[in-house]
Amino acid sequence: MEALSDILLPYKEPVSQVTRFVTIGQMFSGSFICYDIYKQGSTKGVGIMPFVGGLIMSILNLKFGFILRDDTMIQVNFMGLALNIIYLMIYYTYARNKGTVWMQMGLGGAFAAALIGYSEMEDPKLVESRFGMIITVFMFYLIASPLFGLREIIRKQSTEGMPFPMILSGTVVTFMWFLYGIILKNKFLVLQNVVVFSLCAFQLALFAIYPSKPKEAKKEKIKAKKTK
């Protein structure tokens, strides 16, 4: 990694600018999901985890940016924090069970607050590596969570419910953060984004194999048209 870092070092500023741009662009991918919620008038079939997870990751990465004293991480995660708060407000507005949504948001906020509290008490010499590992583990869980229903996806032969805009943009973003991590010589950024890129690529492959709507739903739609 050292040799590749030395090769890429002269390009640190343009890589940083592109990384910042695509990351902010990815953060707006949640707006497509919010638009779908608005069109159907409810959150049916749309989980809250991408938004709660996005909020938690924004908070943790913002703190990590301050630990690393990296302006790019700080700027993009401030933006991410603001956007995810807006997305959660929209989700809450259209959710039927608002009590459950409040509970999920509260648990997410408490989890993030606990980790921020830990980072403040940790040894300054160890906090970068340990806090970075915590973020890495949580990111793996967050990105892999849509795959927990892989058996159901294969059974229904449908990727319905998987957040395609977030997965597609995440593939591009993680590649750029991988390059940026190499330039910074930060093993956690490199490890995070190699694994996350692989997970995103696998999920994109599922979209290529299976449609976004179950076959049964398509058949019913065709039958409805014929009966008209």
C-alpha atoms as a PDB file:
ATOM      1  CA  MET A   1       0.000   0.000   0.000  1.00  0.00           C
ATOM      2  CA  GLU A   2       2.940   2.317   0.693  1.00  0.00           C
ATOM      3  CA  ALA A   3       4.112   2.259  -2.933  1.00  0.00           C
ATOM      4  CA  LEU A   4       0.614   2.872  -4.301  1.00  0.00           C
ATOM      5  CA  SER A   5       0.106   5.661  -1.767  1.00  0.00           C
ATOM      6  CA  ASP A   6       3.274   7.400  -2.983  1.00  0.00           C
ATOM      7  CA  ILE A   7       2.070   7.127  -6.592  1.00  0.00           C
ATOM      8  CA  LEU A   8      -1.357   8.587  -5.771  1.00  0.00           C
ATOM      9  CA  LEU A   9      -0.138  11.262  -3.331  1.00  0.00           C
ATOM     10  CA  PRO A  10       0.308  13.987  -6.017  1.00  0.00           C
ATOM     11  CA  TYR A  11      -3.375  13.455  -6.904  1.00  0.00           C
ATOM     12  CA  LYS A  12      -4.618  13.842  -3.332  1.00  0.00           C
ATOM     13  CA  GLU A  13      -6.496  17.092  -3.984  1.00  0.00           C
ATOM     14  CA  PRO A  14      -8.408  15.984  -7.133  1.00  0.00           C
ATOM     15  CA  VAL A  15      -9.196  12.599  -5.560  1.00  0.00           C
ATOM     16  CA  SER A  16     -10.416  14.427  -2.455  1.00  0.00           C
ATOM     17  CA  GLN A  17     -12.636  16.714  -4.564  1.00  0.00           C
ATOM     18  CA  VAL A  18     -14.144  13.831  -6.549  1.00  0.00           C
ATOM     19  CA  THR A  19     -14.646  11.798  -3.366  1.00  0.00           C
ATOM     20  CA  ARG A  20     -16.405  14.727  -1.725  1.00  0.00           C
ATOM     21  CA  PHE A  21     -18.610  15.265  -4.789  1.00  0.00           C
ATOM     22  CA  VAL A  22     -19.705  11.638  -5.268  1.00  0.00           C
ATOM     23  CA  THR A  23     -20.270  11.149  -1.532  1.00  0.00           C
ATOM     24  CA  ILE A  24     -22.579  14.144  -1.340  1.00  0.00           C
ATOM     25  CA  GLY A  25     -24.289  12.860  -4.491  1.00  0.00           C
ATOM     26  CA  GLN A  26     -24.804   9.481  -2.813  1.00  0.00           C
ATOM     27  CA  MET A  27     -26.361  11.164   0.186  1.00  0.00           C
ATOM     28  CA  PHE A  28     -29.034  12.589  -2.110  1.00  0.00           C
ATOM     29  CA  SER A  29     -29.892   9.053  -3.291  1.00  0.00           C
ATOM     30  CA  GLY A  30     -32.196   8.793  -0.291  1.00  0.00           C
ATOM     31  CA  SER A  31     -34.398  11.406  -1.937  1.00  0.00           C
ATOM     32  CA  PHE A  32     -35.435   8.842  -4.585  1.00  0.00           C
ATOM     33  CA  ILE A  33     -36.672   6.536  -1.850  1.00  0.00           C
ATOM     34  CA  CYS A  34     -38.468   9.428  -0.150  1.00  0.00           C
ATOM     35  CA  TYR A  35     -40.127  10.280  -3.472  1.00  0.00           C
ATOM     36  CA  ASP A  36     -41.393   6.694  -3.763  1.00  0.00           C
ATOM     37  CA  ILE A  37     -42.810   7.007  -0.235  1.00  0.00           C
ATOM     38  CA  TYR A  38     -44.502  10.268  -1.225  1.00  0.00           C
ATOM     39  CA  LYS A  39     -46.004   8.735  -4.398  1.00  0.00           C
ATOM     40  CA  GLN A  40     -47.538   5.755  -2.612  1.00  0.00           C
ATOM     41  CA  GLY A  41     -48.536   7.841   0.398  1.00  0.00           C
ATOM     42  CA  SER A  42     -47.007   5.448   2.928  1.00  0.00           C
ATOM     43  CA  THR A  43     -43.795   3.691   3.943  1.00  0.00           C
ATOM     44  CA  LYS A  44     -45.175   0.264   2.971  1.00  0.00           C
ATOM     45  CA  GLY A  45     -42.348  -1.945   1.694  1.00  0.00           C
ATOM     46  CA  VAL A  46     -39.684   0.626   2.661  1.00  0.00           C
ATOM     47  CA  GLY A  47     -37.575  -0.070   5.735  1.00  0.00           C
ATOM     48  CA  ILE A  48     -36.287   2.672   8.005  1.00  0.00           C
ATOM     49  CA  MET A  49     -32.856   1.079   8.513  1.00  0.00           C
ATOM     50  CA  PRO A  50     -31.146   2.804   5.535  1.00  0.00           C
ATOM     51  CA  PHE A  51     -32.039   6.179   7.052  1.00  0.00           C
ATOM     52  CA  VAL A  52     -31.314   5.339  10.703  1.00  0.00           C
ATOM     53  CA  GLY A  53     -28.111   3.628   9.634  1.00  0.00           C
ATOM     54  CA  GLY A  54     -27.198   6.628   7.480  1.00  0.00           C
ATOM     55  CA  LEU A  55     -27.754   8.946  10.439  1.00  0.00           C
ATOM     56  CA  ILE A  56     -25.555   6.826  12.709  1.00  0.00           C
ATOM     57  CA  MET A  57     -22.801   6.510  10.097  1.00  0.00           C
ATOM     58  CA  SER A  58     -22.841  10.267   9.468  1.00  0.00           C
ATOM     59  CA  ILE A  59     -22.408  10.974  13.182  1.00  0.00           C
ATOM     60  CA  LEU A  60     -19.652   8.383  13.641  1.00  0.00           C
ATOM     61  CA  ASN A  61     -17.770   9.363  10.487  1.00  0.00           C
ATOM     62  CA  LEU A  62     -18.064  13.027  11.437  1.00  0.00           C
ATOM     63  CA  LYS A  63     -16.408  12.226  14.763  1.00  0.00           C
ATOM     64  CA  PHE A  64     -13.786  10.118  12.982  1.00  0.00           C
ATOM     65  CA  GLY A  65     -13.120  13.034  10.638  1.00  0.00           C
ATOM     66  CA  PHE A  66     -12.399  15.253  13.638  1.00  0.00           C
ATOM     67  CA  ILE A  67     -10.122  12.566  15.090  1.00  0.00           C
ATOM     68  CA  LEU A  68      -8.206  12.377  11.786  1.00  0.00           C
ATOM     69  CA  ARG A  69      -8.487  16.167  11.314  1.00  0.00           C
ATOM     70  CA  ASP A  70      -9.574  15.558   7.728  1.00  0.00           C
ATOM     71  CA  ASP A  71     -11.648  18.351   6.167  1.00  0.00           C
ATOM     72  CA  THR A  72     -13.147  16.125   3.454  1.00  0.00           C
ATOM     73  CA  MET A  73     -14.635  13.675   5.970  1.00  0.00           C
ATOM     74  CA  ILE A  74     -15.920  16.500   8.166  1.00  0.00           C
ATOM     75  CA  GLN A  75     -17.615  18.398   5.323  1.00  0.00           C
ATOM     76  CA  VAL A  76     -19.354  15.444   3.665  1.00  0.00           C
ATOM     77  CA  ASN A  77     -20.592  13.996   6.944  1.00  0.00           C
ATOM     78  CA  PHE A  78     -22.032  17.310   8.099  1.00  0.00           C
ATOM     79  CA  MET A  79     -24.035  17.247   4.869  1.00  0.00           C
ATOM     80  CA  GLY A  80     -24.956  13.590   5.410  1.00  0.00           C
ATOM     81  CA  LEU A  81     -26.159  14.281   8.930  1.00  0.00           C
ATOM     82  CA  ALA A  82     -28.459  17.088   7.753  1.00  0.00           C
ATOM     83  CA  LEU A  83     -29.888  15.040   4.848  1.00  0.00           C
ATOM     84  CA  ASN A  84     -30.560  11.939   6.935  1.00  0.00           C
ATOM     85  CA  ILE A  85     -32.437  14.016   9.495  1.00  0.00           C
ATOM     86  CA  ILE A  86     -34.634  15.323   6.652  1.00  0.00           C
ATOM     87  CA  TYR A  87     -35.171  11.788   5.286  1.00  0.00           C
ATOM     88  CA  LEU A  88     -36.200  10.542   8.726  1.00  0.00           C
ATOM     89  CA  MET A  89     -38.657  13.420   9.087  1.00  0.00           C
ATOM     90  CA  ILE A  90     -40.242  12.469   5.748  1.00  0.00           C
ATOM     91  CA  TYR A  91     -40.326   8.781   6.717  1.00  0.00           C
ATOM     92  CA  TYR A  92     -41.968   9.641  10.039  1.00  0.00           C
ATOM     93  CA  THR A  93     -44.592  11.804   8.302  1.00  0.00           C
ATOM     94  CA  TYR A  94     -45.801   8.918   6.109  1.00  0.00           C
ATOM     95  CA  ALA A  95     -45.299   6.079   8.608  1.00  0.00           C
ATOM     96  CA  ARG A  96     -48.445   4.497  10.048  1.00  0.00           C
ATOM     97  CA  ASN A  97     -46.861   3.183  13.232  1.00  0.00           C
ATOM     98  CA  LYS A  98     -45.183   6.373  14.415  1.00  0.00           C
ATOM     99  CA  GLY A  99     -44.433   4.935  17.844  1.00  0.00           C
ATOM    100  CA  THR A 100     -42.219   2.249  16.326  1.00  0.00           C
ATOM    101  CA  VAL A 101     -40.444   4.828  14.186  1.00  0.00           C
ATOM    102  CA  TRP A 102     -39.757   6.992  17.261  1.00  0.00           C
ATOM    103  CA  MET A 103     -38.355   3.963  19.081  1.00  0.00           C
ATOM    104  CA  GLN A 104     -36.057   3.025  16.185  1.00  0.00           C
ATOM    105  CA  MET A 105     -34.788   6.588  15.839  1.00  0.00           C
ATOM    106  CA  GLY A 106     -34.275   6.811  19.609  1.00  0.00           C
ATOM    107  CA  LEU A 107     -32.302   3.563  19.707  1.00  0.00           C
ATOM    108  CA  GLY A 108     -30.159   4.741  16.778  1.00  0.00           C
ATOM    109  CA  GLY A 109     -29.469   8.074  18.475  1.00  0.00           C
ATOM    110  CA  ALA A 110     -28.636   6.390  21.800  1.00  0.00           C
ATOM    111  CA  PHE A 111     -26.261   3.964  20.037  1.00  0.00           C
ATOM    112  CA  ALA A 112     -24.435   6.808  18.280  1.00  0.00           C
ATOM    113  CA  ALA A 113     -24.269   8.863  21.496  1.00  0.00           C
ATOM    114  CA  ALA A 114     -22.805   5.896  23.407  1.00  0.00           C
ATOM    115  CA  LEU A 115     -20.046   5.439  20.820  1.00  0.00           C
ATOM    116  CA  ILE A 116     -19.258   9.158  20.760  1.00  0.00           C
ATOM    117  CA  GLY A 117     -19.040   9.059  24.568  1.00  0.00           C
ATOM    118  CA  TYR A 118     -16.667   6.115  24.340  1.00  0.00           C
ATOM    119  CA  SER A 119     -14.433   7.970  21.873  1.00  0.00           C
ATOM    120  CA  GLU A 120     -14.173  10.889  24.297  1.00  0.00           C
ATOM    121  CA  MET A 121     -13.020   8.622  27.146  1.00  0.00           C
ATOM    122  CA  GLU A 122     -10.655   6.428  25.114  1.00  0.00           C
ATOM    123  CA  ASP A 123      -6.876   6.873  25.219  1.00  0.00           C
ATOM    124  CA  PRO A 124      -6.011   9.490  22.523  1.00  0.00           C
ATOM    125  CA  LYS A 125      -3.231   7.190  21.289  1.00  0.00           C
ATOM    126  CA  LEU A 126      -5.657   4.316  20.724  1.00  0.00           C
ATOM    127  CA  VAL A 127      -8.891   6.059  19.786  1.00  0.00           C
ATOM    128  CA  GLU A 128      -8.130   6.299  16.049  1.00  0.00           C
ATOM    129  CA  SER A 129      -7.581   2.560  15.617  1.00  0.00           C
ATOM    130  CA  ARG A 130     -10.322   1.388  17.993  1.00  0.00           C
ATOM    131  CA  PHE A 131     -12.973   3.866  16.909  1.00  0.00           C
ATOM    132  CA  GLY A 132     -12.078   3.148  13.284  1.00  0.00           C
ATOM    133  CA  MET A 133     -12.616  -0.574  13.903  1.00  0.00           C
ATOM    134  CA  ILE A 134     -16.032   0.080  15.474  1.00  0.00           C
ATOM    135  CA  ILE A 135     -17.091   2.137  12.434  1.00  0.00           C
ATOM    136  CA  THR A 136     -15.804  -0.596  10.125  1.00  0.00           C
ATOM    137  CA  VAL A 137     -17.819  -3.337  11.855  1.00  0.00           C
ATOM    138  CA  PHE A 138     -21.003  -1.237  11.896  1.00  0.00           C
ATOM    139  CA  MET A 139     -20.573  -0.284   8.240  1.00  0.00           C
ATOM    140  CA  PHE A 140     -20.234  -3.962   7.297  1.00  0.00           C
ATOM    141  CA  TYR A 141     -23.464  -4.736   9.144  1.00  0.00           C
ATOM    142  CA  LEU A 142     -25.299  -1.815   7.561  1.00  0.00           C
ATOM    143  CA  ILE A 143     -24.267  -2.597   3.991  1.00  0.00           C
ATOM    144  CA  ALA A 144     -24.790  -6.342   4.367  1.00  0.00           C
ATOM    145  CA  SER A 145     -28.209  -6.021   6.063  1.00  0.00           C
ATOM    146  CA  PRO A 146     -30.224  -6.234   2.783  1.00  0.00           C
ATOM    147  CA  LEU A 147     -28.553  -9.622   2.225  1.00  0.00           C
ATOM    148  CA  PHE A 148     -30.029 -11.036   5.443  1.00  0.00           C
ATOM    149  CA  GLY A 149     -33.150 -11.687   3.374  1.00  0.00           C
ATOM    150  CA  LEU A 150     -31.188 -13.370   0.559  1.00  0.00           C
ATOM    151  CA  ARG A 151     -33.170 -16.603   0.900  1.00  0.00           C
ATOM    152  CA  GLU A 152     -36.416 -14.664   0.483  1.00  0.00           C
ATOM    153  CA  ILE A 153     -34.996 -12.760  -2.513  1.00  0.00           C
ATOM    154  CA  ILE A 154     -34.120 -16.031  -4.215  1.00  0.00           C
ATOM    155  CA  ARG A 155     -37.487 -17.601  -3.307  1.00  0.00           C
ATOM    156  CA  LYS A 156     -39.491 -14.689  -4.697  1.00  0.00           C
ATOM    157  CA  GLN A 157     -36.951 -14.046  -7.465  1.00  0.00           C
ATOM    158  CA  SER A 158     -37.322 -10.351  -6.710  1.00  0.00           C
ATOM    159  CA  THR A 159     -35.139  -7.554  -5.311  1.00  0.00           C
ATOM    160  CA  GLU A 160     -38.188  -5.613  -4.146  1.00  0.00           C
ATOM    161  CA  GLY A 161     -37.402  -3.591  -1.028  1.00  0.00           C
ATOM    162  CA  MET A 162     -33.675  -3.329  -1.717  1.00  0.00           C
ATOM    163  CA  PRO A 163     -32.599   0.350  -2.010  1.00  0.00           C
ATOM    164  CA  PHE A 164     -31.165   0.341  -5.552  1.00  0.00           C
ATOM    165  CA  PRO A 165     -30.188   4.069  -5.676  1.00  0.00           C
ATOM    166  CA  MET A 166     -28.209   3.740  -2.442  1.00  0.00           C
ATOM    167  CA  ILE A 167     -26.519   0.513  -3.541  1.00  0.00           C
ATOM    168  CA  LEU A 168     -25.552   1.865  -6.974  1.00  0.00           C
ATOM    169  CA  SER A 169     -24.185   5.141  -5.631  1.00  0.00           C
ATOM    170  CA  GLY A 170     -22.513   3.284  -2.762  1.00  0.00           C
ATOM    171  CA  THR A 171     -20.506   1.224  -5.251  1.00  0.00           C
ATOM    172  CA  VAL A 172     -19.037   4.371  -6.822  1.00  0.00           C
ATOM    173  CA  VAL A 173     -18.485   6.138  -3.495  1.00  0.00           C
ATOM    174  CA  THR A 174     -16.718   3.250  -1.787  1.00  0.00           C
ATOM    175  CA  PHE A 175     -14.277   2.952  -4.682  1.00  0.00           C
ATOM    176  CA  MET A 176     -13.349   6.631  -4.329  1.00  0.00           C
ATOM    177  CA  TRP A 177     -12.967   6.348  -0.528  1.00  0.00           C
ATOM    178  CA  PHE A 178     -10.772   3.293  -1.127  1.00  0.00           C
ATOM    179  CA  LEU A 179      -8.424   5.417  -3.239  1.00  0.00           C
ATOM    180  CA  TYR A 180      -8.537   8.232  -0.695  1.00  0.00           C
ATOM    181  CA  GLY A 181      -7.781   5.796   2.125  1.00  0.00           C
ATOM    182  CA  ILE A 182      -4.704   4.611   0.258  1.00  0.00           C
ATOM    183  CA  ILE A 183      -3.495   8.212  -0.142  1.00  0.00           C
ATOM    184  CA  LEU A 184      -4.041   8.851   3.591  1.00  0.00           C
ATOM    185  CA  LYS A 185      -2.390   5.505   4.412  1.00  0.00           C
ATOM    186  CA  ASN A 186      -5.366   4.744   6.641  1.00  0.00           C
ATOM    187  CA  LYS A 187      -5.868   0.987   6.878  1.00  0.00           C
ATOM    188  CA  PHE A 188      -9.419   1.308   8.229  1.00  0.00           C
ATOM    189  CA  LEU A 189     -10.630   3.401   5.295  1.00  0.00           C
ATOM    190  CA  VAL A 190      -9.000   0.922   2.900  1.00  0.00           C
ATOM    191  CA  LEU A 191     -10.395  -2.170   4.646  1.00  0.00           C
ATOM    192  CA  GLN A 192     -13.873  -0.663   5.020  1.00  0.00           C
ATOM    193  CA  ASN A 193     -14.210   0.269   1.410  1.00  0.00           C
ATOM    194  CA  VAL A 194     -12.716  -2.868  -0.123  1.00  0.00           C
ATOM    195  CA  VAL A 195     -15.255  -5.011   1.717  1.00  0.00           C
ATOM    196  CA  VAL A 196     -18.164  -2.597   1.223  1.00  0.00           C
ATOM    197  CA  PHE A 197     -17.394  -2.251  -2.497  1.00  0.00           C
ATOM    198  CA  SER A 198     -17.527  -6.063  -2.799  1.00  0.00           C
ATOM    199  CA  LEU A 199     -20.860  -6.200  -0.955  1.00  0.00           C
ATOM    200  CA  CYS A 200     -22.340  -3.435  -3.109  1.00  0.00           C
ATOM    201  CA  ALA A 201     -21.137  -5.139  -6.291  1.00  0.00           C
ATOM    202  CA  PHE A 202     -22.758  -8.407  -5.193  1.00  0.00           C
ATOM    203  CA  GLN A 203     -26.057  -6.646  -4.465  1.00  0.00           C
ATOM    204  CA  LEU A 204     -25.948  -4.938  -7.878  1.00  0.00           C
ATOM    205  CA  ALA A 205     -25.525  -8.390  -9.424  1.00  0.00           C
ATOM    206  CA  LEU A 206     -28.787  -9.427  -7.735  1.00  0.00           C
ATOM    207  CA  PHE A 207     -30.580  -6.575  -9.515  1.00  0.00           C
ATOM    208  CA  ALA A 208     -29.207  -7.863 -12.814  1.00  0.00           C
ATOM    209  CA  ILE A 209     -30.497 -11.380 -12.048  1.00  0.00           C
ATOM    210  CA  TYR A 210     -33.853 -10.608 -10.429  1.00  0.00           C
ATOM    211  CA  PRO A 211     -36.465  -7.913 -11.207  1.00  0.00           C
ATOM    212  CA  SER A 212     -37.511  -5.323  -8.636  1.00  0.00           C
ATOM    213  CA  LYS A 213     -41.074  -6.697  -8.551  1.00  0.00           C
ATOM    214  CA  PRO A 214     -42.125 -10.280  -7.766  1.00  0.00           C
ATOM    215  CA  LYS A 215     -43.258 -12.394 -10.703  1.00  0.00           C
ATOM    216  CA  GLU A 216     -46.616 -12.934  -8.994  1.00  0.00           C
ATOM    217  CA  ALA A 217     -47.254  -9.171  -8.930  1.00  0.00           C
ATOM    218  CA  LYS A 218     -46.478  -8.909 -12.636  1.00  0.00           C
ATOM    219  CA  LYS A 219     -48.829 -11.770 -13.459  1.00  0.00           C
ATOM    220  CA  GLU A 220     -51.633 -10.165 -11.467  1.00  0.00           C
ATOM    221  CA  LYS A 221     -51.048  -6.871 -13.266  1.00  0.00           C
ATOM    222  CA  ILE A 222     -51.268  -8.602 -16.671  1.00  0.00           C
ATOM    223  CA  LYS A 223     -54.479 -10.391 -15.655  1.00  0.00           C
ATOM    224  CA  ALA A 224     -56.002  -7.114 -14.476  1.00  0.00           C
ATOM    225  CA  LYS A 225     -55.284  -5.520 -17.850  1.00  0.00           C
ATOM    226  CA  LYS A 226     -56.861  -8.429 -19.730  1.00  0.00           C
ATOM    227  CA  THR A 227     -60.057  -8.259 -17.691  1.00  0.00           C
ATOM    228  CA  LYS A 228     -60.552  -4.564 -18.511  1.00  0.00           C
END
